[in-house]
């Protein structure tokens, strides 16, 4: 599955796996470079997905006349 076809959650999960593998320090150099390249591609993909989600939230938060409505975020606890 390519980085572009993974969901955000799948990409974050794979990034977590990559970090754990590399933190062990037992990965051969060639594999470490491949993991690093995969990780950077995943980060780029995740950033793109987050940017798109942010734009969608902004679009959904427009007022009746189309101007953006900014509201304070309140966390439910």
PDB file of N, CA and C in Angstrom:
ATOM      1  N   UNK A   1       0.856  -1.183   0.000  1.00  0.00           N
ATOM      2  CA  UNK A   1       0.000   0.000   0.000  1.00  0.00           C
ATOM      3  C   UNK A   1       0.893   1.235   0.000  1.00  0.00           C
ATOM      4  N   UNK A   2       0.665   2.136  -0.928  1.00  0.00           N
ATOM      5  CA  UNK A   2       1.498   3.337  -1.002  1.00  0.00           C
ATOM      6  C   UNK A   2       1.098   4.327   0.090  1.00  0.00           C
ATOM      7  N   UNK A   3       2.021   5.270   0.368  1.00  0.00           N
ATOM      8  CA  UNK A   3       1.756   6.256   1.411  1.00  0.00           C
ATOM      9  C   UNK A   3       0.503   7.074   1.128  1.00  0.00           C
ATOM     10  N   UNK A   4       0.215   7.312  -0.163  1.00  0.00           N
ATOM     11  CA  UNK A   4      -0.934   8.145  -0.500  1.00  0.00           C
ATOM     12  C   UNK A   4      -2.257   7.418  -0.332  1.00  0.00           C
ATOM     13  N   UNK A   5      -2.239   6.076  -0.303  1.00  0.00           N
ATOM     14  CA  UNK A   5      -3.499   5.349  -0.170  1.00  0.00           C
ATOM     15  C   UNK A   5      -3.775   4.914   1.271  1.00  0.00           C
ATOM     16  N   UNK A   6      -2.843   5.175   2.189  1.00  0.00           N
ATOM     17  CA  UNK A   6      -3.046   4.838   3.590  1.00  0.00           C
ATOM     18  C   UNK A   6      -3.899   5.913   4.262  1.00  0.00           C
ATOM     19  N   UNK A   7      -4.655   5.483   5.271  1.00  0.00           N
ATOM     20  CA  UNK A   7      -5.386   6.465   6.064  1.00  0.00           C
ATOM     21  C   UNK A   7      -4.408   7.174   6.983  1.00  0.00           C
ATOM     22  N   UNK A   8      -4.843   8.244   7.574  1.00  0.00           N
ATOM     23  CA  UNK A   8      -4.012   8.986   8.517  1.00  0.00           C
ATOM     24  C   UNK A   8      -3.596   8.068   9.666  1.00  0.00           C
ATOM     25  N   UNK A   9      -4.552   7.325  10.187  1.00  0.00           N
ATOM     26  CA  UNK A   9      -4.282   6.439  11.319  1.00  0.00           C
ATOM     27  C   UNK A   9      -3.294   5.334  10.950  1.00  0.00           C
ATOM     28  N   UNK A  10      -3.417   4.779   9.752  1.00  0.00           N
ATOM     29  CA  UNK A  10      -2.476   3.755   9.293  1.00  0.00           C
ATOM     30  C   UNK A  10      -1.073   4.348   9.155  1.00  0.00           C
ATOM     31  N   UNK A  11      -0.999   5.550   8.631  1.00  0.00           N
ATOM     32  CA  UNK A  11       0.292   6.206   8.454  1.00  0.00           C
ATOM     33  C   UNK A  11       0.956   6.486   9.793  1.00  0.00           C
ATOM     34  N   UNK A  12       0.202   6.966  10.751  1.00  0.00           N
ATOM     35  CA  UNK A  12       0.749   7.237  12.088  1.00  0.00           C
ATOM     36  C   UNK A  12       1.194   5.933  12.739  1.00  0.00           C
ATOM     37  N   UNK A  13       0.421   4.881  12.571  1.00  0.00           N
ATOM     38  CA  UNK A  13       0.796   3.579  13.117  1.00  0.00           C
ATOM     39  C   UNK A  13       2.104   3.074  12.526  1.00  0.00           C
ATOM     40  N   UNK A  14       2.254   3.226  11.217  1.00  0.00           N
ATOM     41  CA  UNK A  14       3.496   2.789  10.564  1.00  0.00           C
ATOM     42  C   UNK A  14       4.665   3.659  11.015  1.00  0.00           C
ATOM     43  N   UNK A  15       4.450   4.959  11.161  1.00  0.00           N
ATOM     44  CA  UNK A  15       5.505   5.833  11.673  1.00  0.00           C
ATOM     45  C   UNK A  15       5.954   5.390  13.062  1.00  0.00           C
ATOM     46  N   UNK A  16       5.015   5.012  13.890  1.00  0.00           N
ATOM     47  CA  UNK A  16       5.331   4.528  15.236  1.00  0.00           C
ATOM     48  C   UNK A  16       6.198   3.272  15.158  1.00  0.00           C
ATOM     49  N   UNK A  17       5.850   2.352  14.245  1.00  0.00           N
ATOM     50  CA  UNK A  17       6.643   1.138  14.060  1.00  0.00           C
ATOM     51  C   UNK A  17       8.069   1.482  13.626  1.00  0.00           C
ATOM     52  N   UNK A  18       8.191   2.408  12.684  1.00  0.00           N
ATOM     53  CA  UNK A  18       9.506   2.807  12.177  1.00  0.00           C
ATOM     54  C   UNK A  18      10.359   3.399  13.297  1.00  0.00           C
ATOM     55  N   UNK A  19       9.759   4.265  14.096  1.00  0.00           N
ATOM     56  CA  UNK A  19      10.502   4.889  15.200  1.00  0.00           C
ATOM     57  C   UNK A  19      10.986   3.815  16.171  1.00  0.00           C
ATOM     58  N   UNK A  20      10.121   2.880  16.517  1.00  0.00           N
ATOM     59  CA  UNK A  20      10.510   1.826  17.460  1.00  0.00           C
ATOM     60  C   UNK A  20      11.648   0.972  16.899  1.00  0.00           C
ATOM     61  N   UNK A  21      11.564   0.642  15.616  1.00  0.00           N
ATOM     62  CA  UNK A  21      12.636  -0.145  14.990  1.00  0.00           C
ATOM     63  C   UNK A  21      13.962   0.598  15.036  1.00  0.00           C
ATOM     64  N   UNK A  22      13.925   1.869  14.706  1.00  0.00           N
ATOM     65  CA  UNK A  22      15.162   2.643  14.639  1.00  0.00           C
ATOM     66  C   UNK A  22      15.705   2.966  16.030  1.00  0.00           C
ATOM     67  N   UNK A  23      14.836   3.099  17.021  1.00  0.00           N
ATOM     68  CA  UNK A  23      15.292   3.375  18.383  1.00  0.00           C
ATOM     69  C   UNK A  23      16.053   2.188  18.970  1.00  0.00           C
ATOM     70  N   UNK A  24      15.739   0.989  18.518  1.00  0.00           N
ATOM     71  CA  UNK A  24      16.443  -0.200  19.006  1.00  0.00           C
ATOM     72  C   UNK A  24      17.923  -0.158  18.636  1.00  0.00           C
ATOM     73  N   UNK A  25      18.224   0.473  17.515  1.00  0.00           N
ATOM     74  CA  UNK A  25      19.605   0.606  17.089  1.00  0.00           C
ATOM     75  C   UNK A  25      20.196  -0.641  16.459  1.00  0.00           C
ATOM     76  N   UNK A  26      19.384  -1.655  16.220  1.00  0.00           N
ATOM     77  CA  UNK A  26      19.903  -2.907  15.667  1.00  0.00           C
ATOM     78  C   UNK A  26      19.603  -3.055  14.173  1.00  0.00           C
ATOM     79  N   UNK A  27      19.056  -1.999  13.565  1.00  0.00           N
ATOM     80  CA  UNK A  27      18.710  -2.044  12.145  1.00  0.00           C
ATOM     81  C   UNK A  27      19.970  -1.753  11.327  1.00  0.00           C
ATOM     82  N   UNK A  28      20.285  -2.605  10.344  1.00  0.00           N
ATOM     83  CA  UNK A  28      21.444  -2.337   9.482  1.00  0.00           C
ATOM     84  C   UNK A  28      21.284  -0.987   8.768  1.00  0.00           C
ATOM     85  N   UNK A  29      22.408  -0.385   8.429  1.00  0.00           N
ATOM     86  CA  UNK A  29      22.415   0.959   7.840  1.00  0.00           C
ATOM     87  C   UNK A  29      21.512   1.060   6.614  1.00  0.00           C
ATOM     88  N   UNK A  30      21.616   0.112   5.697  1.00  0.00           N
ATOM     89  CA  UNK A  30      20.806   0.153   4.467  1.00  0.00           C
ATOM     90  C   UNK A  30      19.304   0.156   4.797  1.00  0.00           C
ATOM     91  N   UNK A  31      18.901  -0.696   5.726  1.00  0.00           N
ATOM     92  CA  UNK A  31      17.488  -0.754   6.122  1.00  0.00           C
ATOM     93  C   UNK A  31      17.086   0.523   6.854  1.00  0.00           C
ATOM     94  N   UNK A  32      17.981   1.057   7.669  1.00  0.00           N
ATOM     95  CA  UNK A  32      17.690   2.305   8.387  1.00  0.00           C
ATOM     96  C   UNK A  32      17.441   3.439   7.407  1.00  0.00           C
ATOM     97  N   UNK A  33      18.232   3.505   6.348  1.00  0.00           N
ATOM     98  CA  UNK A  33      18.020   4.540   5.331  1.00  0.00           C
ATOM     99  C   UNK A  33      16.676   4.368   4.636  1.00  0.00           C
ATOM    100  N   UNK A  34      16.313   3.132   4.331  1.00  0.00           N
ATOM    101  CA  UNK A  34      15.016   2.866   3.702  1.00  0.00           C
ATOM    102  C   UNK A  34      13.874   3.243   4.640  1.00  0.00           C
ATOM    103  N   UNK A  35      14.021   2.900   5.922  1.00  0.00           N
ATOM    104  CA  UNK A  35      12.991   3.259   6.900  1.00  0.00           C
ATOM    105  C   UNK A  35      12.886   4.771   7.046  1.00  0.00           C
ATOM    106  N   UNK A  36      14.024   5.450   7.042  1.00  0.00           N
ATOM    107  CA  UNK A  36      14.013   6.907   7.140  1.00  0.00           C
ATOM    108  C   UNK A  36      13.288   7.526   5.952  1.00  0.00           C
ATOM    109  N   UNK A  37      13.567   7.031   4.762  1.00  0.00           N
ATOM    110  CA  UNK A  37      12.893   7.537   3.560  1.00  0.00           C
ATOM    111  C   UNK A  37      11.393   7.274   3.627  1.00  0.00           C
ATOM    112  N   UNK A  38      11.012   6.084   4.060  1.00  0.00           N
ATOM    113  CA  UNK A  38       9.588   5.766   4.193  1.00  0.00           C
ATOM    114  C   UNK A  38       8.940   6.685   5.224  1.00  0.00           C
ATOM    115  N   UNK A  39       9.639   6.898   6.333  1.00  0.00           N
ATOM    116  CA  UNK A  39       9.104   7.759   7.393  1.00  0.00           C
ATOM    117  C   UNK A  39       8.908   9.189   6.932  1.00  0.00           C
ATOM    118  N   UNK A  40       9.873   9.730   6.200  1.00  0.00           N
ATOM    119  CA  UNK A  40       9.725  11.107   5.730  1.00  0.00           C
ATOM    120  C   UNK A  40       8.571  11.230   4.727  1.00  0.00           C
ATOM    121  N   UNK A  41       8.376  10.205   3.902  1.00  0.00           N
ATOM    122  CA  UNK A  41       7.237  10.225   2.976  1.00  0.00           C
ATOM    123  C   UNK A  41       5.918  10.163   3.741  1.00  0.00           C
ATOM    124  N   UNK A  42       5.881   9.372   4.805  1.00  0.00           N
ATOM    125  CA  UNK A  42       4.675   9.277   5.622  1.00  0.00           C
ATOM    126  C   UNK A  42       4.371  10.599   6.327  1.00  0.00           C
ATOM    127  N   UNK A  43       5.412  11.258   6.834  1.00  0.00           N
ATOM    128  CA  UNK A  43       5.223  12.560   7.491  1.00  0.00           C
ATOM    129  C   UNK A  43       4.651  13.564   6.503  1.00  0.00           C
ATOM    130  N   UNK A  44       5.190  13.583   5.301  1.00  0.00           N
ATOM    131  CA  UNK A  44       4.692  14.494   4.264  1.00  0.00           C
ATOM    132  C   UNK A  44       3.225  14.204   3.958  1.00  0.00           C
ATOM    133  N   UNK A  45       2.890  12.929   3.837  1.00  0.00           N
ATOM    134  CA  UNK A  45       1.513  12.530   3.557  1.00  0.00           C
ATOM    135  C   UNK A  45       0.576  12.926   4.702  1.00  0.00           C
ATOM    136  N   UNK A  46       1.012  12.692   5.944  1.00  0.00           N
ATOM    137  CA  UNK A  46       0.196  13.058   7.112  1.00  0.00           C
ATOM    138  C   UNK A  46      -0.022  14.566   7.182  1.00  0.00           C
ATOM    139  N   UNK A  47       1.037  15.330   6.927  1.00  0.00           N
ATOM    140  CA  UNK A  47       0.902  16.792   6.931  1.00  0.00           C
ATOM    141  C   UNK A  47      -0.104  17.249   5.879  1.00  0.00           C
ATOM    142  N   UNK A  48      -0.067  16.631   4.721  1.00  0.00           N
ATOM    143  CA  UNK A  48      -1.007  16.968   3.656  1.00  0.00           C
ATOM    144  C   UNK A  48      -2.442  16.655   4.077  1.00  0.00           C
ATOM    145  N   UNK A  49      -2.634  15.492   4.696  1.00  0.00           N
ATOM    146  CA  UNK A  49      -3.977  15.118   5.152  1.00  0.00           C
ATOM    147  C   UNK A  49      -4.482  16.074   6.231  1.00  0.00           C
ATOM    148  N   UNK A  50      -3.592  16.486   7.135  1.00  0.00           N
ATOM    149  CA  UNK A  50      -3.985  17.434   8.185  1.00  0.00           C
ATOM    150  C   UNK A  50      -4.335  18.798   7.594  1.00  0.00           C
ATOM    151  N   UNK A  51      -3.564  19.248   6.615  1.00  0.00           N
ATOM    152  CA  UNK A  51      -3.866  20.521   5.949  1.00  0.00           C
ATOM    153  C   UNK A  51      -5.238  20.475   5.278  1.00  0.00           C
ATOM    154  N   UNK A  52      -5.538  19.371   4.593  1.00  0.00           N
ATOM    155  CA  UNK A  52      -6.838  19.223   3.936  1.00  0.00           C
ATOM    156  C   UNK A  52      -7.967  19.205   4.955  1.00  0.00           C
ATOM    157  N   UNK A  53      -7.751  18.519   6.073  1.00  0.00           N
ATOM    158  CA  UNK A  53      -8.773  18.467   7.116  1.00  0.00           C
ATOM    159  C   UNK A  53      -9.018  19.852   7.709  1.00  0.00           C
ATOM    160  N   UNK A  54      -7.936  20.608   7.904  1.00  0.00           N
ATOM    161  CA  UNK A  54      -8.075  21.960   8.444  1.00  0.00           C
ATOM    162  C   UNK A  54      -8.870  22.847   7.488  1.00  0.00           C
ATOM    163  N   UNK A  55      -8.592  22.747   6.194  1.00  0.00           N
ATOM    164  CA  UNK A  55      -9.345  23.523   5.215  1.00  0.00           C
ATOM    165  C   UNK A  55     -10.825  23.148   5.226  1.00  0.00           C
ATOM    166  N   UNK A  56     -11.112  21.877   5.392  1.00  0.00           N
ATOM    167  CA  UNK A  56     -12.506  21.423   5.444  1.00  0.00           C
ATOM    168  C   UNK A  56     -13.209  21.969   6.680  1.00  0.00           C
ATOM    169  N   UNK A  57     -12.521  21.982   7.807  1.00  0.00           N
ATOM    170  CA  UNK A  57     -13.108  22.529   9.039  1.00  0.00           C
ATOM    171  C   UNK A  57     -13.401  24.013   8.850  1.00  0.00           C
ATOM    172  N   UNK A  58     -12.461  24.730   8.273  1.00  0.00           N
ATOM    173  CA  UNK A  58     -12.666  26.165   8.031  1.00  0.00           C
ATOM    174  C   UNK A  58     -13.856  26.365   7.100  1.00  0.00           C
ATOM    175  N   UNK A  59     -13.947  25.545   6.049  1.00  0.00           N
ATOM    176  CA  UNK A  59     -15.065  25.655   5.110  1.00  0.00           C
ATOM    177  C   UNK A  59     -16.398  25.414   5.820  1.00  0.00           C
ATOM    178  N   UNK A  60     -16.417  24.458   6.719  1.00  0.00           N
ATOM    179  CA  UNK A  60     -17.653  24.132   7.427  1.00  0.00           C
ATOM    180  C   UNK A  60     -18.026  25.179   8.468  1.00  0.00           C
ATOM    181  N   UNK A  61     -17.078  26.007   8.850  1.00  0.00           N
ATOM    182  CA  UNK A  61     -17.326  27.000   9.895  1.00  0.00           C
ATOM    183  C   UNK A  61     -17.613  28.388   9.333  1.00  0.00           C
ATOM    184  N   UNK A  62     -18.031  28.474   8.085  1.00  0.00           N
ATOM    185  CA  UNK A  62     -18.364  29.772   7.505  1.00  0.00           C
ATOM    186  C   UNK A  62     -19.767  30.192   7.915  1.00  0.00           C
ATOM    187  N   UNK A  63     -19.957  31.497   8.018  1.00  0.00           N
ATOM    188  CA  UNK A  63     -21.277  32.020   8.365  1.00  0.00           C
ATOM    189  C   UNK A  63     -22.189  31.979   7.140  1.00  0.00           C
ATOM    190  N   UNK A  64     -23.417  32.378   7.320  1.00  0.00           N
ATOM    191  CA  UNK A  64     -24.401  32.354   6.242  1.00  0.00           C
ATOM    192  C   UNK A  64     -23.971  33.190   5.041  1.00  0.00           C
ATOM    193  N   UNK A  65     -23.246  34.285   5.289  1.00  0.00           N
ATOM    194  CA  UNK A  65     -22.804  35.125   4.167  1.00  0.00           C
ATOM    195  C   UNK A  65     -21.465  34.665   3.579  1.00  0.00           C
ATOM    196  N   UNK A  66     -20.929  33.543   4.058  1.00  0.00           N
ATOM    197  CA  UNK A  66     -19.709  32.981   3.503  1.00  0.00           C
ATOM    198  C   UNK A  66     -18.421  33.431   4.160  1.00  0.00           C
ATOM    199  N   UNK A  67     -18.534  34.339   5.123  1.00  0.00           N
ATOM    200  CA  UNK A  67     -17.318  34.773   5.812  1.00  0.00           C
ATOM    201  C   UNK A  67     -16.971  33.773   6.916  1.00  0.00           C
ATOM    202  N   UNK A  68     -15.695  33.575   7.158  1.00  0.00           N
ATOM    203  CA  UNK A  68     -15.289  32.611   8.186  1.00  0.00           C
ATOM    204  C   UNK A  68     -15.746  33.048   9.574  1.00  0.00           C
ATOM    205  N   UNK A  69     -16.139  32.082  10.360  1.00  0.00           N
ATOM    206  CA  UNK A  69     -16.534  32.332  11.738  1.00  0.00           C
ATOM    207  C   UNK A  69     -15.494  31.655  12.619  1.00  0.00           C
ATOM    208  N   UNK A  70     -14.831  32.441  13.444  1.00  0.00           N
ATOM    209  CA  UNK A  70     -13.822  31.883  14.332  1.00  0.00           C
ATOM    210  C   UNK A  70     -14.448  31.696  15.700  1.00  0.00           C
ATOM    211  N   UNK A  71     -14.344  30.475  16.202  1.00  0.00           N
ATOM    212  CA  UNK A  71     -14.883  30.185  17.527  1.00  0.00           C
ATOM    213  C   UNK A  71     -13.773  29.614  18.393  1.00  0.00           C
ATOM    214  N   UNK A  72     -13.893  29.812  19.668  1.00  0.00           N
ATOM    215  CA  UNK A  72     -12.907  29.293  20.596  1.00  0.00           C
ATOM    216  C   UNK A  72     -13.096  27.800  20.768  1.00  0.00           C
ATOM    217  N   UNK A  73     -11.991  27.064  20.759  1.00  0.00           N
ATOM    218  CA  UNK A  73     -12.058  25.622  20.960  1.00  0.00           C
ATOM    219  C   UNK A  73     -12.228  25.346  22.447  1.00  0.00           C
ATOM    220  N   UNK A  74     -13.244  24.550  22.768  1.00  0.00           N
ATOM    221  CA  UNK A  74     -13.479  24.159  24.149  1.00  0.00           C
ATOM    222  C   UNK A  74     -13.412  22.635  24.208  1.00  0.00           C
ATOM    223  N   UNK A  75     -12.474  22.137  24.978  1.00  0.00           N
ATOM    224  CA  UNK A  75     -12.294  20.693  25.097  1.00  0.00           C
ATOM    225  C   UNK A  75     -13.312  20.135  26.087  1.00  0.00           C
ATOM    226  N   UNK A  76     -14.002  19.077  25.665  1.00  0.00           N
ATOM    227  CA  UNK A  76     -14.927  18.380  26.552  1.00  0.00           C
ATOM    228  C   UNK A  76     -14.133  17.421  27.420  1.00  0.00           C
ATOM    229  N   UNK A  77     -14.243  17.562  28.715  1.00  0.00           N
ATOM    230  CA  UNK A  77     -13.504  16.664  29.618  1.00  0.00           C
ATOM    231  C   UNK A  77     -14.421  16.024  30.597  1.00  0.00           C
TER     232      UNK A  77
END
